[in-house]
Each structure stands twice: as structure tokens, then as C-alpha cells.
Amino acid sequence: MKILSWNVRGLGRVEKRRRIKEVLKEKKVDMAMLQETKKSEVDDIFVRSLWPNESMEFMGVDAEDSAGALLCIWKPEVFALKDCCSSRRFILLLGNQPGVQS
């Protein structure tokens, strides 16, 4: 599994989202963990503007005012989420490879 962690320092500009999507595609990333998105909320449409694959799942922690925010996106065929928890400072995901018992 290829995992990328990136402090993006804001995702307001279309050009920045396009560049992130290009890097994720070029590096064939299976899971991306993005910090400092500065987004007050994220939805499927916004996440698709970042993710180069058709299939995806994600979990986000919204920004407070215009600071912080976390976003984790992954391929469900590579990572099957079993449980999760989050706070303003972290996202904790528990899962395994689909079809593999743990």
C-alpha cells in the first residue's frame, strides 16, 4: 500500500487541487492523508476534485475558523475501514486489506 502524507496549507485554489490530484495519480497513491486543508467542510464533490481514482472513501475533520482540518482518502479495494475516531488534531483509522481477516 502506498501512503502519502502532505501538509497542503489550504485547498481553496483549483490549481492546487489539480496539482495534488496529478501527484496522487503519478505516484499511484492508495491512501492520502492531508493536513491543514483549511476547509470548513468537505463533501464527495470536493474530495473527487483531489482524488484521481473513481472509487474512494474518505474521512475528514473540519477546520475551526480558517485553521487546521484533516482529510484522509483511500481506495476501498486496498483498505477496508472497520472503525475510526477523530478529534481536531488527528484521525485514527482501523482497517485491513479487503478479504484478509484480522
PDB file of N, CA and C in Angstrom:
ATOM      1  N   MET A   1       0.852  -1.179   0.000  1.00  0.00           N
ATOM      2  CA  MET A   1       0.000   0.000   0.000  1.00  0.00           C
ATOM      3  C   MET A   1       0.892   1.235   0.000  1.00  0.00           C
ATOM      4  N   LYS A   2       0.605   2.171  -0.895  1.00  0.00           N
ATOM      5  CA  LYS A   2       1.336   3.435  -0.947  1.00  0.00           C
ATOM      6  C   LYS A   2       0.530   4.500  -0.213  1.00  0.00           C
ATOM      7  N   ILE A   3       1.162   5.118   0.781  1.00  0.00           N
ATOM      8  CA  ILE A   3       0.519   6.149   1.598  1.00  0.00           C
ATOM      9  C   ILE A   3       1.299   7.448   1.448  1.00  0.00           C
ATOM     10  N   LEU A   4       0.573   8.535   1.246  1.00  0.00           N
ATOM     11  CA  LEU A   4       1.188   9.850   1.153  1.00  0.00           C
ATOM     12  C   LEU A   4       0.605  10.740   2.246  1.00  0.00           C
ATOM     13  N   SER A   5       1.470  11.431   2.974  1.00  0.00           N
ATOM     14  CA  SER A   5       1.052  12.409   3.981  1.00  0.00           C
ATOM     15  C   SER A   5       1.582  13.766   3.533  1.00  0.00           C
ATOM     16  N   TRP A   6       0.700  14.792   3.538  1.00  0.00           N
ATOM     17  CA  TRP A   6       1.080  16.074   2.946  1.00  0.00           C
ATOM     18  C   TRP A   6       0.417  17.221   3.715  1.00  0.00           C
ATOM     19  N   ASN A   7       1.220  18.177   4.175  1.00  0.00           N
ATOM     20  CA  ASN A   7       0.692  19.418   4.733  1.00  0.00           C
ATOM     21  C   ASN A   7       0.442  20.346   3.547  1.00  0.00           C
ATOM     22  N   VAL A   8      -0.812  20.431   3.128  1.00  0.00           N
ATOM     23  CA  VAL A   8      -1.149  21.145   1.893  1.00  0.00           C
ATOM     24  C   VAL A   8      -1.314  22.655   2.075  1.00  0.00           C
ATOM     25  N   ARG A   9      -1.433  23.115   3.319  1.00  0.00           N
ATOM     26  CA  ARG A   9      -1.550  24.550   3.625  1.00  0.00           C
ATOM     27  C   ARG A   9      -2.678  25.232   2.866  1.00  0.00           C
ATOM     28  N   GLY A  10      -3.816  24.547   2.822  1.00  0.00           N
ATOM     29  CA  GLY A  10      -5.001  25.131   2.194  1.00  0.00           C
ATOM     30  C   GLY A  10      -5.313  24.515   0.850  1.00  0.00           C
ATOM     31  N   LEU A  11      -6.613  24.317   0.611  1.00  0.00           N
ATOM     32  CA  LEU A  11      -7.066  23.716  -0.642  1.00  0.00           C
ATOM     33  C   LEU A  11      -8.112  24.578  -1.337  1.00  0.00           C
ATOM     34  N   GLY A  12      -8.024  25.870  -1.153  1.00  0.00           N
ATOM     35  CA  GLY A  12      -9.005  26.763  -1.751  1.00  0.00           C
ATOM     36  C   GLY A  12      -8.842  26.953  -3.251  1.00  0.00           C
ATOM     37  N   ARG A  13      -7.616  26.924  -3.732  1.00  0.00           N
ATOM     38  CA  ARG A  13      -7.364  27.203  -5.155  1.00  0.00           C
ATOM     39  C   ARG A  13      -7.501  25.943  -6.011  1.00  0.00           C
ATOM     40  N   VAL A  14      -8.176  26.081  -7.125  1.00  0.00           N
ATOM     41  CA  VAL A  14      -8.377  24.975  -8.070  1.00  0.00           C
ATOM     42  C   VAL A  14      -7.035  24.441  -8.562  1.00  0.00           C
ATOM     43  N   GLU A  15      -6.083  25.331  -8.835  1.00  0.00           N
ATOM     44  CA  GLU A  15      -4.777  24.911  -9.338  1.00  0.00           C
ATOM     45  C   GLU A  15      -4.065  24.004  -8.347  1.00  0.00           C
ATOM     46  N   LYS A  16      -4.178  24.303  -7.071  1.00  0.00           N
ATOM     47  CA  LYS A  16      -3.536  23.493  -6.044  1.00  0.00           C
ATOM     48  C   LYS A  16      -4.176  22.112  -5.979  1.00  0.00           C
ATOM     49  N   ARG A  17      -5.505  22.050  -6.031  1.00  0.00           N
ATOM     50  CA  ARG A  17      -6.201  20.750  -6.016  1.00  0.00           C
ATOM     51  C   ARG A  17      -5.821  19.938  -7.255  1.00  0.00           C
ATOM     52  N   ARG A  18      -5.721  20.594  -8.387  1.00  0.00           N
ATOM     53  CA  ARG A  18      -5.333  19.907  -9.622  1.00  0.00           C
ATOM     54  C   ARG A  18      -3.927  19.326  -9.489  1.00  0.00           C
ATOM     55  N   ARG A  19      -3.005  20.086  -8.909  1.00  0.00           N
ATOM     56  CA  ARG A  19      -1.620  19.612  -8.728  1.00  0.00           C
ATOM     57  C   ARG A  19      -1.576  18.426  -7.772  1.00  0.00           C
ATOM     58  N   ILE A  20      -2.327  18.485  -6.700  1.00  0.00           N
ATOM     59  CA  ILE A  20      -2.373  17.368  -5.750  1.00  0.00           C
ATOM     60  C   ILE A  20      -2.904  16.122  -6.443  1.00  0.00           C
ATOM     61  N   LYS A  21      -3.952  16.278  -7.219  1.00  0.00           N
ATOM     62  CA  LYS A  21      -4.527  15.141  -7.953  1.00  0.00           C
ATOM     63  C   LYS A  21      -3.495  14.537  -8.907  1.00  0.00           C
ATOM     64  N   GLU A  22      -2.725  15.378  -9.596  1.00  0.00           N
ATOM     65  CA  GLU A  22      -1.683  14.897 -10.506  1.00  0.00           C
ATOM     66  C   GLU A  22      -0.626  14.084  -9.767  1.00  0.00           C
ATOM     67  N   VAL A  23      -0.186  14.582  -8.614  1.00  0.00           N
ATOM     68  CA  VAL A  23       0.830  13.873  -7.831  1.00  0.00           C
ATOM     69  C   VAL A  23       0.289  12.530  -7.339  1.00  0.00           C
ATOM     70  N   LEU A  24      -0.942  12.509  -6.842  1.00  0.00           N
ATOM     71  CA  LEU A  24      -1.532  11.263  -6.358  1.00  0.00           C
ATOM     72  C   LEU A  24      -1.631  10.231  -7.480  1.00  0.00           C
ATOM     73  N   LYS A  25      -1.974  10.698  -8.670  1.00  0.00           N
ATOM     74  CA  LYS A  25      -2.069   9.789  -9.815  1.00  0.00           C
ATOM     75  C   LYS A  25      -0.687   9.307 -10.250  1.00  0.00           C
ATOM     76  N   GLU A  26       0.242  10.245 -10.379  1.00  0.00           N
ATOM     77  CA  GLU A  26       1.604   9.921 -10.826  1.00  0.00           C
ATOM     78  C   GLU A  26       2.288   8.926  -9.882  1.00  0.00           C
ATOM     79  N   LYS A  27       2.105   9.101  -8.593  1.00  0.00           N
ATOM     80  CA  LYS A  27       2.752   8.240  -7.590  1.00  0.00           C
ATOM     81  C   LYS A  27       1.945   6.975  -7.281  1.00  0.00           C
ATOM     82  N   LYS A  28       0.748   6.863  -7.875  1.00  0.00           N
ATOM     83  CA  LYS A  28      -0.130   5.699  -7.665  1.00  0.00           C
ATOM     84  C   LYS A  28      -0.404   5.468  -6.176  1.00  0.00           C
ATOM     85  N   VAL A  29      -0.850   6.525  -5.521  1.00  0.00           N
ATOM     86  CA  VAL A  29      -1.104   6.515  -4.085  1.00  0.00           C
ATOM     87  C   VAL A  29      -2.408   5.772  -3.783  1.00  0.00           C
ATOM     88  N   ASP A  30      -2.366   4.922  -2.754  1.00  0.00           N
ATOM     89  CA  ASP A  30      -3.552   4.182  -2.308  1.00  0.00           C
ATOM     90  C   ASP A  30      -4.302   4.907  -1.197  1.00  0.00           C
ATOM     91  N   MET A  31      -3.566   5.685  -0.395  1.00  0.00           N
ATOM     92  CA  MET A  31      -4.172   6.439   0.707  1.00  0.00           C
ATOM     93  C   MET A  31      -3.433   7.763   0.842  1.00  0.00           C
ATOM     94  N   ALA A  32      -4.191   8.844   0.956  1.00  0.00           N
ATOM     95  CA  ALA A  32      -3.604  10.169   1.140  1.00  0.00           C
ATOM     96  C   ALA A  32      -4.120  10.758   2.442  1.00  0.00           C
ATOM     97  N   MET A  33      -3.180  11.298   3.222  1.00  0.00           N
ATOM     98  CA  MET A  33      -3.527  11.970   4.473  1.00  0.00           C
ATOM     99  C   MET A  33      -3.095  13.428   4.327  1.00  0.00           C
ATOM    100  N   LEU A  34      -4.069  14.312   4.263  1.00  0.00           N
ATOM    101  CA  LEU A  34      -3.801  15.722   4.002  1.00  0.00           C
ATOM    102  C   LEU A  34      -4.066  16.540   5.259  1.00  0.00           C
ATOM    103  N   GLN A  35      -3.089  17.373   5.622  1.00  0.00           N
ATOM    104  CA  GLN A  35      -3.207  18.226   6.795  1.00  0.00           C
ATOM    105  C   GLN A  35      -3.332  19.683   6.363  1.00  0.00           C
ATOM    106  N   GLU A  36      -3.936  20.466   7.253  1.00  0.00           N
ATOM    107  CA  GLU A  36      -4.093  21.916   7.025  1.00  0.00           C
ATOM    108  C   GLU A  36      -4.851  22.212   5.728  1.00  0.00           C
ATOM    109  N   THR A  37      -5.955  21.489   5.507  1.00  0.00           N
ATOM    110  CA  THR A  37      -6.752  21.756   4.309  1.00  0.00           C
ATOM    111  C   THR A  37      -7.467  23.096   4.410  1.00  0.00           C
ATOM    112  N   LYS A  38      -7.705  23.548   5.628  1.00  0.00           N
ATOM    113  CA  LYS A  38      -8.383  24.822   5.921  1.00  0.00           C
ATOM    114  C   LYS A  38      -9.813  24.865   5.377  1.00  0.00           C
ATOM    115  N   LYS A  39     -10.408  23.687   5.184  1.00  0.00           N
ATOM    116  CA  LYS A  39     -11.786  23.598   4.692  1.00  0.00           C
ATOM    117  C   LYS A  39     -12.729  23.404   5.877  1.00  0.00           C
ATOM    118  N   SER A  40     -13.802  24.199   5.906  1.00  0.00           N
ATOM    119  CA  SER A  40     -14.768  24.094   6.994  1.00  0.00           C
ATOM    120  C   SER A  40     -15.630  22.852   6.875  1.00  0.00           C
ATOM    121  N   GLU A  41     -15.775  22.338   5.664  1.00  0.00           N
ATOM    122  CA  GLU A  41     -16.456  21.057   5.461  1.00  0.00           C
ATOM    123  C   GLU A  41     -16.084  20.509   4.093  1.00  0.00           C
ATOM    124  N   VAL A  42     -16.106  19.174   3.994  1.00  0.00           N
ATOM    125  CA  VAL A  42     -15.801  18.528   2.723  1.00  0.00           C
ATOM    126  C   VAL A  42     -16.943  17.593   2.348  1.00  0.00           C
ATOM    127  N   ASP A  43     -17.163  17.448   1.046  1.00  0.00           N
ATOM    128  CA  ASP A  43     -18.190  16.522   0.553  1.00  0.00           C
ATOM    129  C   ASP A  43     -17.592  15.724  -0.596  1.00  0.00           C
ATOM    130  N   ASP A  44     -18.382  14.808  -1.152  1.00  0.00           N
ATOM    131  CA  ASP A  44     -17.910  13.949  -2.241  1.00  0.00           C
ATOM    132  C   ASP A  44     -17.371  14.750  -3.426  1.00  0.00           C
ATOM    133  N   ILE A  45     -18.052  15.790  -3.792  1.00  0.00           N
ATOM    134  CA  ILE A  45     -17.642  16.586  -4.962  1.00  0.00           C
ATOM    135  C   ILE A  45     -16.264  17.203  -4.724  1.00  0.00           C
ATOM    136  N   PHE A  46     -16.060  17.767  -3.547  1.00  0.00           N
ATOM    137  CA  PHE A  46     -14.771  18.368  -3.232  1.00  0.00           C
ATOM    138  C   PHE A  46     -13.664  17.308  -3.229  1.00  0.00           C
ATOM    139  N   VAL A  47     -13.910  16.165  -2.583  1.00  0.00           N
ATOM    140  CA  VAL A  47     -12.889  15.118  -2.495  1.00  0.00           C
ATOM    141  C   VAL A  47     -12.559  14.581  -3.885  1.00  0.00           C
ATOM    142  N   ARG A  48     -13.551  14.462  -4.744  1.00  0.00           N
ATOM    143  CA  ARG A  48     -13.298  13.997  -6.117  1.00  0.00           C
ATOM    144  C   ARG A  48     -12.416  14.982  -6.896  1.00  0.00           C
ATOM    145  N   SER A  49     -12.419  16.247  -6.498  1.00  0.00           N
ATOM    146  CA  SER A  49     -11.540  17.215  -7.154  1.00  0.00           C
ATOM    147  C   SER A  49     -10.068  16.976  -6.799  1.00  0.00           C
ATOM    148  N   LEU A  50      -9.826  16.141  -5.791  1.00  0.00           N
ATOM    149  CA  LEU A  50      -8.473  15.821  -5.352  1.00  0.00           C
ATOM    150  C   LEU A  50      -8.033  14.407  -5.715  1.00  0.00           C
ATOM    151  N   TRP A  51      -8.974  13.484  -5.751  1.00  0.00           N
ATOM    152  CA  TRP A  51      -8.670  12.061  -5.850  1.00  0.00           C
ATOM    153  C   TRP A  51      -8.723  11.598  -7.305  1.00  0.00           C
ATOM    154  N   PRO A  52      -7.659  10.950  -7.791  1.00  0.00           N
ATOM    155  CA  PRO A  52      -7.606  10.586  -9.210  1.00  0.00           C
ATOM    156  C   PRO A  52      -8.346   9.291  -9.577  1.00  0.00           C
ATOM    157  N   ASN A  53      -8.828   8.544  -8.600  1.00  0.00           N
ATOM    158  CA  ASN A  53      -9.473   7.257  -8.869  1.00  0.00           C
ATOM    159  C   ASN A  53     -10.989   7.371  -8.765  1.00  0.00           C
ATOM    160  N   GLU A  54     -11.677   6.512  -9.503  1.00  0.00           N
ATOM    161  CA  GLU A  54     -13.143   6.513  -9.468  1.00  0.00           C
ATOM    162  C   GLU A  54     -13.673   6.100  -8.092  1.00  0.00           C
ATOM    163  N   SER A  55     -13.105   5.016  -7.548  1.00  0.00           N
ATOM    164  CA  SER A  55     -13.576   4.539  -6.235  1.00  0.00           C
ATOM    165  C   SER A  55     -12.783   5.217  -5.131  1.00  0.00           C
ATOM    166  N   MET A  56     -13.487   5.594  -4.073  1.00  0.00           N
ATOM    167  CA  MET A  56     -12.834   6.258  -2.944  1.00  0.00           C
ATOM    168  C   MET A  56     -13.726   6.230  -1.722  1.00  0.00           C
ATOM    169  N   GLU A  57     -13.101   6.300  -0.579  1.00  0.00           N
ATOM    170  CA  GLU A  57     -13.765   6.563   0.686  1.00  0.00           C
ATOM    171  C   GLU A  57     -12.925   7.616   1.376  1.00  0.00           C
ATOM    172  N   PHE A  58     -13.524   8.350   2.285  1.00  0.00           N
ATOM    173  CA  PHE A  58     -12.764   9.399   2.955  1.00  0.00           C
ATOM    174  C   PHE A  58     -13.342   9.703   4.326  1.00  0.00           C
ATOM    175  N   MET A  59     -12.509  10.334   5.128  1.00  0.00           N
ATOM    176  CA  MET A  59     -12.923  10.847   6.432  1.00  0.00           C
ATOM    177  C   MET A  59     -12.230  12.181   6.619  1.00  0.00           C
ATOM    178  N   GLY A  60     -12.973  13.162   7.097  1.00  0.00           N
ATOM    179  CA  GLY A  60     -12.400  14.481   7.290  1.00  0.00           C
ATOM    180  C   GLY A  60     -12.707  15.049   8.660  1.00  0.00           C
ATOM    181  N   VAL A  61     -11.846  15.953   9.105  1.00  0.00           N
ATOM    182  CA  VAL A  61     -12.057  16.756  10.308  1.00  0.00           C
ATOM    183  C   VAL A  61     -12.069  18.198   9.835  1.00  0.00           C
ATOM    184  N   ASP A  62     -13.185  18.879  10.048  1.00  0.00           N
ATOM    185  CA  ASP A  62     -13.357  20.243   9.548  1.00  0.00           C
ATOM    186  C   ASP A  62     -12.459  21.246  10.269  1.00  0.00           C
ATOM    187  N   ALA A  63     -12.160  22.329   9.571  1.00  0.00           N
ATOM    188  CA  ALA A  63     -11.367  23.416  10.140  1.00  0.00           C
ATOM    189  C   ALA A  63     -12.192  24.172  11.174  1.00  0.00           C
ATOM    190  N   GLU A  64     -11.486  24.792  12.100  1.00  0.00           N
ATOM    191  CA  GLU A  64     -12.114  25.725  13.030  1.00  0.00           C
ATOM    192  C   GLU A  64     -11.686  27.105  12.591  1.00  0.00           C
ATOM    193  N   ASP A  65     -12.655  27.940  12.280  1.00  0.00           N
ATOM    194  CA  ASP A  65     -12.403  29.223  11.624  1.00  0.00           C
ATOM    195  C   ASP A  65     -11.705  28.913  10.302  1.00  0.00           C
ATOM    196  N   SER A  66     -10.505  29.423  10.092  1.00  0.00           N
ATOM    197  CA  SER A  66      -9.805  29.118   8.840  1.00  0.00           C
ATOM    198  C   SER A  66      -8.494  28.384   9.115  1.00  0.00           C
ATOM    199  N   ALA A  67      -8.450  27.626  10.213  1.00  0.00           N
ATOM    200  CA  ALA A  67      -7.219  26.923  10.573  1.00  0.00           C
ATOM    201  C   ALA A  67      -7.469  25.436  10.741  1.00  0.00           C
ATOM    202  N   GLY A  68      -6.438  24.662  10.428  1.00  0.00           N
ATOM    203  CA  GLY A  68      -6.488  23.225  10.649  1.00  0.00           C
ATOM    204  C   GLY A  68      -7.224  22.487   9.547  1.00  0.00           C
ATOM    205  N   ALA A  69      -7.839  21.420   9.921  1.00  0.00           N
ATOM    206  CA  ALA A  69      -8.615  20.494   9.090  1.00  0.00           C
ATOM    207  C   ALA A  69      -7.729  19.377   8.545  1.00  0.00           C
ATOM    208  N   LEU A  70      -8.276  18.191   8.577  1.00  0.00           N
ATOM    209  CA  LEU A  70      -7.602  16.974   8.129  1.00  0.00           C
ATOM    210  C   LEU A  70      -8.497  16.243   7.145  1.00  0.00           C
ATOM    211  N   LEU A  71      -7.881  15.543   6.221  1.00  0.00           N
ATOM    212  CA  LEU A  71      -8.630  14.744   5.262  1.00  0.00           C
ATOM    213  C   LEU A  71      -7.822  13.500   4.939  1.00  0.00           C
ATOM    214  N   CYS A  72      -8.460  12.355   5.067  1.00  0.00           N
ATOM    215  CA  CYS A  72      -7.849  11.089   4.695  1.00  0.00           C
ATOM    216  C   CYS A  72      -8.724  10.462   3.610  1.00  0.00           C
ATOM    217  N   ILE A  73      -8.110  10.084   2.482  1.00  0.00           N
ATOM    218  CA  ILE A  73      -8.820   9.490   1.339  1.00  0.00           C
ATOM    219  C   ILE A  73      -8.118   8.176   1.008  1.00  0.00           C
ATOM    220  N   TRP A  74      -8.901   7.153   0.661  1.00  0.00           N
ATOM    221  CA  TRP A  74      -8.279   5.871   0.334  1.00  0.00           C
ATOM    222  C   TRP A  74      -9.093   5.095  -0.690  1.00  0.00           C
ATOM    223  N   LYS A  75      -8.405   4.121  -1.302  1.00  0.00           N
ATOM    224  CA  LYS A  75      -9.043   3.199  -2.231  1.00  0.00           C
ATOM    225  C   LYS A  75      -9.700   2.082  -1.415  1.00  0.00           C
ATOM    226  N   PRO A  76     -11.010   1.898  -1.521  1.00  0.00           N
ATOM    227  CA  PRO A  76     -11.677   0.853  -0.734  1.00  0.00           C
ATOM    228  C   PRO A  76     -11.257  -0.557  -1.145  1.00  0.00           C
ATOM    229  N   GLU A  77     -10.722  -0.724  -2.341  1.00  0.00           N
ATOM    230  CA  GLU A  77     -10.259  -2.053  -2.740  1.00  0.00           C
ATOM    231  C   GLU A  77      -8.910  -2.406  -2.107  1.00  0.00           C
ATOM    232  N   VAL A  78      -8.260  -1.417  -1.472  1.00  0.00           N
ATOM    233  CA  VAL A  78      -6.967  -1.631  -0.825  1.00  0.00           C
ATOM    234  C   VAL A  78      -7.089  -1.590   0.700  1.00  0.00           C
ATOM    235  N   PHE A  79      -8.005  -0.751   1.210  1.00  0.00           N
ATOM    236  CA  PHE A  79      -8.172  -0.579   2.649  1.00  0.00           C
ATOM    237  C   PHE A  79      -9.655  -0.629   2.994  1.00  0.00           C
ATOM    238  N   ALA A  80     -10.034  -1.559   3.878  1.00  0.00           N
ATOM    239  CA  ALA A  80     -11.424  -1.681   4.328  1.00  0.00           C
ATOM    240  C   ALA A  80     -11.525  -1.130   5.746  1.00  0.00           C
ATOM    241  N   LEU A  81     -12.229  -0.035   5.899  1.00  0.00           N
ATOM    242  CA  LEU A  81     -12.390   0.612   7.199  1.00  0.00           C
ATOM    243  C   LEU A  81     -13.278  -0.234   8.102  1.00  0.00           C
ATOM    244  N   LYS A  82     -12.796  -0.484   9.330  1.00  0.00           N
ATOM    245  CA  LYS A  82     -13.571  -1.236  10.319  1.00  0.00           C
ATOM    246  C   LYS A  82     -14.074  -0.324  11.440  1.00  0.00           C
ATOM    247  N   ASP A  83     -13.248   0.659  11.813  1.00  0.00           N
ATOM    248  CA  ASP A  83     -13.601   1.558  12.905  1.00  0.00           C
ATOM    249  C   ASP A  83     -12.752   2.818  12.771  1.00  0.00           C
ATOM    250  N   CYS A  84     -13.205   3.890  13.389  1.00  0.00           N
ATOM    251  CA  CYS A  84     -12.439   5.131  13.334  1.00  0.00           C
ATOM    252  C   CYS A  84     -12.816   6.036  14.494  1.00  0.00           C
ATOM    253  N   CYS A  85     -11.933   6.963  14.781  1.00  0.00           N
ATOM    254  CA  CYS A  85     -12.245   8.052  15.708  1.00  0.00           C
ATOM    255  C   CYS A  85     -11.391   9.243  15.288  1.00  0.00           C
ATOM    256  N   SER A  86     -11.806  10.411  15.711  1.00  0.00           N
ATOM    257  CA  SER A  86     -11.073  11.608  15.311  1.00  0.00           C
ATOM    258  C   SER A  86     -11.298  12.722  16.325  1.00  0.00           C
ATOM    259  N   SER A  87     -10.415  13.683  16.265  1.00  0.00           N
ATOM    260  CA  SER A  87     -10.564  14.926  17.022  1.00  0.00           C
ATOM    261  C   SER A  87     -10.037  16.032  16.113  1.00  0.00           C
ATOM    262  N   ARG A  88      -9.913  17.198  16.635  1.00  0.00           N
ATOM    263  CA  ARG A  88      -9.407  18.312  15.840  1.00  0.00           C
ATOM    264  C   ARG A  88      -7.969  18.079  15.392  1.00  0.00           C
ATOM    265  N   ARG A  89      -7.228  17.250  16.110  1.00  0.00           N
ATOM    266  CA  ARG A  89      -5.806  17.060  15.848  1.00  0.00           C
ATOM    267  C   ARG A  89      -5.426  15.741  15.180  1.00  0.00           C
ATOM    268  N   PHE A  90      -6.367  14.791  15.064  1.00  0.00           N
ATOM    269  CA  PHE A  90      -5.994  13.509  14.470  1.00  0.00           C
ATOM    270  C   PHE A  90      -7.192  12.768  13.885  1.00  0.00           C
ATOM    271  N   ILE A  91      -6.879  11.840  13.008  1.00  0.00           N
ATOM    272  CA  ILE A  91      -7.834  10.848  12.508  1.00  0.00           C
ATOM    273  C   ILE A  91      -7.170   9.494  12.734  1.00  0.00           C
ATOM    274  N   LEU A  92      -7.872   8.598  13.391  1.00  0.00           N
ATOM    275  CA  LEU A  92      -7.369   7.251  13.645  1.00  0.00           C
ATOM    276  C   LEU A  92      -8.282   6.267  12.923  1.00  0.00           C
ATOM    277  N   LEU A  93      -7.715   5.510  11.999  1.00  0.00           N
ATOM    278  CA  LEU A  93      -8.477   4.547  11.208  1.00  0.00           C
ATOM    279  C   LEU A  93      -8.018   3.135  11.546  1.00  0.00           C
ATOM    280  N   LEU A  94      -8.960   2.241  11.723  1.00  0.00           N
ATOM    281  CA  LEU A  94      -8.665   0.825  11.930  1.00  0.00           C
ATOM    282  C   LEU A  94      -9.259   0.073  10.750  1.00  0.00           C
ATOM    283  N   GLY A  95      -8.448  -0.737  10.100  1.00  0.00           N
ATOM    284  CA  GLY A  95      -8.943  -1.476   8.952  1.00  0.00           C
ATOM    285  C   GLY A  95      -7.969  -2.542   8.528  1.00  0.00           C
ATOM    286  N   ASN A  96      -8.280  -3.157   7.407  1.00  0.00           N
ATOM    287  CA  ASN A  96      -7.397  -4.167   6.856  1.00  0.00           C
ATOM    288  C   ASN A  96      -7.574  -4.221   5.349  1.00  0.00           C
ATOM    289  N   GLN A  97      -6.795  -5.069   4.742  1.00  0.00           N
ATOM    290  CA  GLN A  97      -6.926  -5.275   3.304  1.00  0.00           C
ATOM    291  C   GLN A  97      -8.202  -6.076   3.071  1.00  0.00           C
ATOM    292  N   PRO A  98      -9.054  -5.672   2.154  1.00  0.00           N
ATOM    293  CA  PRO A  98     -10.294  -6.409   1.912  1.00  0.00           C
ATOM    294  C   PRO A  98      -9.998  -7.887   1.624  1.00  0.00           C
ATOM    295  N   GLY A  99     -10.803  -8.748   2.241  1.00  0.00           N
ATOM    296  CA  GLY A  99     -10.644 -10.187   2.060  1.00  0.00           C
ATOM    297  C   GLY A  99      -9.649 -10.824   3.007  1.00  0.00           C
ATOM    298  N   VAL A 100      -8.943 -10.005   3.805  1.00  0.00           N
ATOM    299  CA  VAL A 100      -7.953 -10.523   4.764  1.00  0.00           C
ATOM    300  C   VAL A 100      -8.543 -10.385   6.166  1.00  0.00           C
ATOM    301  N   GLN A 101      -8.657 -11.477   6.892  1.00  0.00           N
ATOM    302  CA  GLN A 101      -9.181 -11.454   8.252  1.00  0.00           C
ATOM    303  C   GLN A 101      -8.106 -10.946   9.199  1.00  0.00           C
ATOM    304  N   SER A 102      -8.529 -10.167  10.198  1.00  0.00           N
ATOM    305  CA  SER A 102      -7.566  -9.716  11.217  1.00  0.00           C
ATOM    306  C   SER A 102      -8.124  -9.927  12.596  1.00  0.00           C
TER     307      SER A 102
END
